Each structure stands twice: as C-alpha cells, then as structure tokens.
Amino acid sequence: MRKYPATLVRVFENKLEAGVDADSDITFDQADLEQATEELDIDVRQVLEIPSAYSSTRALPDEITEHGYVDIEPTDSDDEETYRFIKE
C-alpha cells in the first residue's frame, strides 16, 4: 500500500480502536498522522499534506469508505490544523 493511503487507514483504525463513534465524523490531527507513520515505519516529510491531498480530490481508501466515510475536510479548530473523516 502506498504511503498516503496506508497512513490514512492506520489513523482511521487507531481511532476506531480508541473507541470513537463510527456513526459520526472522526477528527484527527498532525499527532495522529505522525503516530501512524511511525507505526508503519514510513517517512513522510509533511504529514499534513496527506489530508490535503485527499480533500475532495481523491477517493478515500476502501478500508475507510466501507464504513460510510466519503471525504476528508478541515475542521474549524483555531488551535491547530485538524481534519475529519466525513460521512455521506
């Protein structure tokens, strides 16, 4: 699996394992992306490029869409750059 999709899938899996509600949007941030790349032992220079590359331009990996999630969008957080997996 390529770096960007693999990272997103790992972030998604980690969130589900942590007990997030899979019936609503799932938020994630830079720390989540960095944790995923470390767990996968892959190098991505700017992890925030990953969600940006998928925001309305690329289809999410099947492992995420099979749960009903269709896109990634930035949140309105003022503290840090956060994103969310959104459902249809």
N, C-alpha and C. Protein backbone atom coordinates (compact mmCIF):
# COMPACT_ATOMS: atom_id res chain seq x y z
N MET A 1 0.85 -1.17 0.00
CA MET A 1 0.00 0.00 0.00
C MET A 1 0.90 1.24 0.00
N ARG A 2 0.49 2.23 -0.74
CA ARG A 2 1.27 3.46 -0.83
C ARG A 2 1.22 4.22 0.49
N LYS A 3 2.13 5.18 0.65
CA LYS A 3 2.28 5.88 1.93
C LYS A 3 1.03 6.64 2.39
N TYR A 4 0.48 7.47 1.52
CA TYR A 4 -0.64 8.30 1.94
C TYR A 4 -1.87 7.47 2.32
N PRO A 5 -2.31 6.54 1.44
CA PRO A 5 -3.48 5.75 1.83
C PRO A 5 -3.21 4.89 3.07
N ALA A 6 -2.02 4.33 3.16
CA ALA A 6 -1.68 3.49 4.31
C ALA A 6 -1.74 4.30 5.60
N THR A 7 -1.27 5.53 5.55
CA THR A 7 -1.29 6.39 6.73
C THR A 7 -2.72 6.71 7.14
N LEU A 8 -3.56 7.06 6.17
CA LEU A 8 -4.95 7.37 6.49
C LEU A 8 -5.67 6.17 7.08
N VAL A 9 -5.44 5.00 6.51
CA VAL A 9 -6.08 3.78 7.03
C VAL A 9 -5.63 3.54 8.46
N ARG A 10 -4.34 3.72 8.75
CA ARG A 10 -3.86 3.49 10.11
C ARG A 10 -4.46 4.51 11.08
N VAL A 11 -4.55 5.77 10.68
CA VAL A 11 -5.19 6.78 11.54
C VAL A 11 -6.62 6.36 11.83
N PHE A 12 -7.34 5.95 10.80
CA PHE A 12 -8.73 5.54 10.95
C PHE A 12 -8.84 4.33 11.88
N GLU A 13 -8.01 3.33 11.67
CA GLU A 13 -8.03 2.13 12.53
C GLU A 13 -7.71 2.49 13.98
N ASN A 14 -6.72 3.35 14.17
CA ASN A 14 -6.36 3.76 15.54
C ASN A 14 -7.52 4.47 16.23
N LYS A 15 -8.23 5.29 15.49
CA LYS A 15 -9.37 5.99 16.07
C LYS A 15 -10.48 5.00 16.46
N LEU A 16 -10.75 4.04 15.58
CA LEU A 16 -11.77 3.04 15.90
C LEU A 16 -11.36 2.21 17.11
N GLU A 17 -10.10 1.82 17.17
CA GLU A 17 -9.61 1.05 18.30
C GLU A 17 -9.68 1.84 19.60
N ALA A 18 -9.57 3.17 19.49
CA ALA A 18 -9.65 4.03 20.68
C ALA A 18 -11.10 4.24 21.12
N GLY A 19 -12.06 3.74 20.33
CA GLY A 19 -13.45 3.79 20.73
C GLY A 19 -14.26 4.96 20.22
N VAL A 20 -13.80 5.63 19.16
CA VAL A 20 -14.61 6.73 18.63
C VAL A 20 -15.91 6.18 18.07
N ASP A 21 -16.90 7.05 17.99
CA ASP A 21 -18.21 6.68 17.46
C ASP A 21 -18.12 6.63 15.93
N ALA A 22 -18.25 5.43 15.37
CA ALA A 22 -18.15 5.25 13.93
C ALA A 22 -19.40 5.70 13.19
N ASP A 23 -20.38 6.21 13.92
CA ASP A 23 -21.60 6.73 13.28
C ASP A 23 -21.55 8.23 13.07
N SER A 24 -20.43 8.86 13.42
CA SER A 24 -20.30 10.31 13.24
C SER A 24 -18.93 10.62 12.63
N ASP A 25 -18.71 11.89 12.35
CA ASP A 25 -17.42 12.30 11.80
C ASP A 25 -16.32 11.97 12.79
N ILE A 26 -15.14 11.66 12.26
CA ILE A 26 -13.99 11.30 13.10
C ILE A 26 -12.90 12.34 12.86
N THR A 27 -12.51 13.04 13.91
CA THR A 27 -11.46 14.06 13.77
C THR A 27 -10.08 13.47 14.03
N PHE A 28 -9.10 14.09 13.39
CA PHE A 28 -7.70 13.70 13.60
C PHE A 28 -6.83 14.91 13.34
N ASP A 29 -5.58 14.82 13.82
CA ASP A 29 -4.66 15.95 13.68
C ASP A 29 -3.26 15.47 13.31
N GLN A 30 -2.34 16.40 13.34
CA GLN A 30 -0.97 16.09 12.96
C GLN A 30 -0.37 14.99 13.82
N ALA A 31 -0.63 15.00 15.11
CA ALA A 31 -0.10 13.97 16.00
C ALA A 31 -0.60 12.58 15.61
N ASP A 32 -1.85 12.48 15.21
CA ASP A 32 -2.40 11.20 14.76
C ASP A 32 -1.69 10.72 13.50
N LEU A 33 -1.44 11.64 12.57
CA LEU A 33 -0.74 11.29 11.34
C LEU A 33 0.69 10.86 11.61
N GLU A 34 1.36 11.58 12.50
CA GLU A 34 2.74 11.23 12.85
C GLU A 34 2.81 9.87 13.54
N GLN A 35 1.86 9.60 14.42
CA GLN A 35 1.82 8.30 15.09
C GLN A 35 1.66 7.19 14.06
N ALA A 36 0.77 7.38 13.10
CA ALA A 36 0.53 6.37 12.07
C ALA A 36 1.78 6.11 11.23
N THR A 37 2.47 7.16 10.83
CA THR A 37 3.68 6.95 10.02
C THR A 37 4.76 6.25 10.82
N GLU A 38 4.86 6.56 12.11
CA GLU A 38 5.82 5.86 12.97
C GLU A 38 5.47 4.38 13.10
N GLU A 39 4.20 4.08 13.32
CA GLU A 39 3.77 2.69 13.45
C GLU A 39 4.02 1.90 12.16
N LEU A 40 3.86 2.57 11.03
CA LEU A 40 4.06 1.91 9.74
C LEU A 40 5.51 1.95 9.28
N ASP A 41 6.34 2.69 10.02
CA ASP A 41 7.76 2.85 9.68
C ASP A 41 7.93 3.39 8.26
N ILE A 42 7.20 4.46 7.97
CA ILE A 42 7.34 5.12 6.68
C ILE A 42 7.69 6.59 6.90
N ASP A 43 8.34 7.16 5.92
CA ASP A 43 8.79 8.54 6.01
C ASP A 43 7.94 9.43 5.12
N VAL A 44 7.29 10.40 5.73
CA VAL A 44 6.53 11.41 5.00
C VAL A 44 7.02 12.76 5.54
N ARG A 45 7.55 13.59 4.66
CA ARG A 45 8.13 14.86 5.11
C ARG A 45 7.12 15.76 5.81
N GLN A 46 6.02 16.01 5.17
CA GLN A 46 4.98 16.89 5.71
C GLN A 46 3.68 16.10 5.83
N VAL A 47 3.42 15.55 7.01
CA VAL A 47 2.25 14.69 7.16
C VAL A 47 0.93 15.42 6.90
N LEU A 48 0.91 16.73 7.06
CA LEU A 48 -0.33 17.47 6.81
C LEU A 48 -0.66 17.55 5.31
N GLU A 49 0.28 17.17 4.48
CA GLU A 49 -0.02 17.10 3.04
C GLU A 49 -0.97 15.94 2.74
N ILE A 50 -1.00 14.95 3.61
CA ILE A 50 -1.81 13.76 3.36
C ILE A 50 -3.30 14.09 3.32
N PRO A 51 -3.87 14.68 4.37
CA PRO A 51 -5.30 15.00 4.27
C PRO A 51 -5.58 16.04 3.19
N SER A 52 -4.67 16.96 3.00
CA SER A 52 -4.87 17.98 1.96
C SER A 52 -4.95 17.34 0.58
N ALA A 53 -4.19 16.29 0.35
CA ALA A 53 -4.21 15.61 -0.94
C ALA A 53 -5.53 14.90 -1.19
N TYR A 54 -6.24 14.56 -0.13
CA TYR A 54 -7.50 13.82 -0.26
C TYR A 54 -8.74 14.70 -0.17
N SER A 55 -8.61 15.90 0.32
CA SER A 55 -9.77 16.76 0.49
C SER A 55 -10.44 17.04 -0.85
N SER A 56 -11.49 16.31 -1.15
CA SER A 56 -12.32 16.47 -2.34
C SER A 56 -11.63 16.17 -3.67
N THR A 57 -10.41 15.63 -3.64
CA THR A 57 -9.73 15.37 -4.91
C THR A 57 -9.46 13.89 -5.16
N ARG A 58 -9.28 13.12 -4.13
CA ARG A 58 -9.00 11.68 -4.27
C ARG A 58 -10.03 10.90 -3.47
N ALA A 59 -10.32 9.71 -3.96
CA ALA A 59 -11.21 8.83 -3.20
C ALA A 59 -10.45 8.26 -2.01
N LEU A 60 -11.13 8.16 -0.90
CA LEU A 60 -10.52 7.56 0.29
C LEU A 60 -10.31 6.07 0.04
N PRO A 61 -9.36 5.47 0.76
CA PRO A 61 -9.14 4.03 0.63
C PRO A 61 -10.40 3.24 0.99
N ASP A 62 -10.56 2.08 0.36
CA ASP A 62 -11.72 1.23 0.58
C ASP A 62 -11.92 0.88 2.05
N GLU A 63 -10.83 0.71 2.78
CA GLU A 63 -10.93 0.35 4.20
C GLU A 63 -11.65 1.42 5.01
N ILE A 64 -11.70 2.63 4.49
CA ILE A 64 -12.40 3.73 5.16
C ILE A 64 -13.80 3.90 4.58
N THR A 65 -13.92 3.85 3.25
CA THR A 65 -15.23 4.06 2.62
C THR A 65 -16.22 2.96 2.96
N GLU A 66 -15.73 1.77 3.26
CA GLU A 66 -16.66 0.68 3.60
C GLU A 66 -17.40 0.95 4.91
N HIS A 67 -16.93 1.93 5.66
CA HIS A 67 -17.62 2.35 6.90
C HIS A 67 -18.53 3.54 6.65
N GLY A 68 -18.65 3.96 5.39
CA GLY A 68 -19.55 5.05 5.05
C GLY A 68 -18.91 6.43 4.96
N TYR A 69 -17.61 6.49 5.16
CA TYR A 69 -16.92 7.79 5.07
C TYR A 69 -16.55 8.07 3.62
N VAL A 70 -16.76 9.32 3.20
CA VAL A 70 -16.59 9.65 1.79
C VAL A 70 -15.56 10.73 1.50
N ASP A 71 -15.14 11.47 2.50
CA ASP A 71 -14.24 12.59 2.25
C ASP A 71 -13.51 12.98 3.52
N ILE A 72 -12.55 13.87 3.34
CA ILE A 72 -11.84 14.50 4.45
C ILE A 72 -12.03 16.00 4.28
N GLU A 73 -12.27 16.68 5.40
CA GLU A 73 -12.34 18.14 5.35
C GLU A 73 -11.70 18.72 6.59
N PRO A 74 -11.18 19.95 6.46
CA PRO A 74 -10.62 20.60 7.65
C PRO A 74 -11.72 20.96 8.63
N THR A 75 -11.39 20.98 9.90
CA THR A 75 -12.35 21.41 10.91
C THR A 75 -12.19 22.91 11.11
N ASP A 76 -13.02 23.47 11.96
CA ASP A 76 -12.96 24.90 12.24
C ASP A 76 -12.12 25.21 13.48
N SER A 77 -11.24 24.31 13.85
CA SER A 77 -10.44 24.48 15.06
C SER A 77 -9.44 25.64 14.89
N ASP A 78 -9.35 26.48 15.91
CA ASP A 78 -8.40 27.59 15.89
C ASP A 78 -7.05 27.19 16.47
N ASP A 79 -7.03 26.12 17.26
CA ASP A 79 -5.81 25.73 17.97
C ASP A 79 -4.75 25.13 17.06
N GLU A 80 -5.16 24.24 16.20
CA GLU A 80 -4.20 23.53 15.35
C GLU A 80 -4.93 23.06 14.10
N GLU A 81 -4.17 22.59 13.16
CA GLU A 81 -4.76 22.10 11.93
C GLU A 81 -5.34 20.71 12.17
N THR A 82 -6.65 20.61 12.16
CA THR A 82 -7.31 19.32 12.34
C THR A 82 -8.23 19.05 11.16
N TYR A 83 -8.46 17.79 10.94
CA TYR A 83 -9.29 17.33 9.82
C TYR A 83 -10.29 16.34 10.37
N ARG A 84 -11.26 15.96 9.50
CA ARG A 84 -12.20 14.94 9.91
C ARG A 84 -12.59 14.09 8.70
N PHE A 85 -12.78 12.82 8.97
CA PHE A 85 -13.39 11.92 8.02
C PHE A 85 -14.88 12.20 8.09
N ILE A 86 -15.53 12.44 6.96
CA ILE A 86 -16.95 12.75 6.98
C ILE A 86 -17.76 11.67 6.26
N LYS A 87 -18.97 11.49 6.77
CA LYS A 87 -19.89 10.51 6.18
C LYS A 87 -20.74 11.18 5.12
N GLU A 88 -21.41 10.34 4.34
CA GLU A 88 -22.30 10.85 3.28
C GLU A 88 -23.39 11.73 3.84
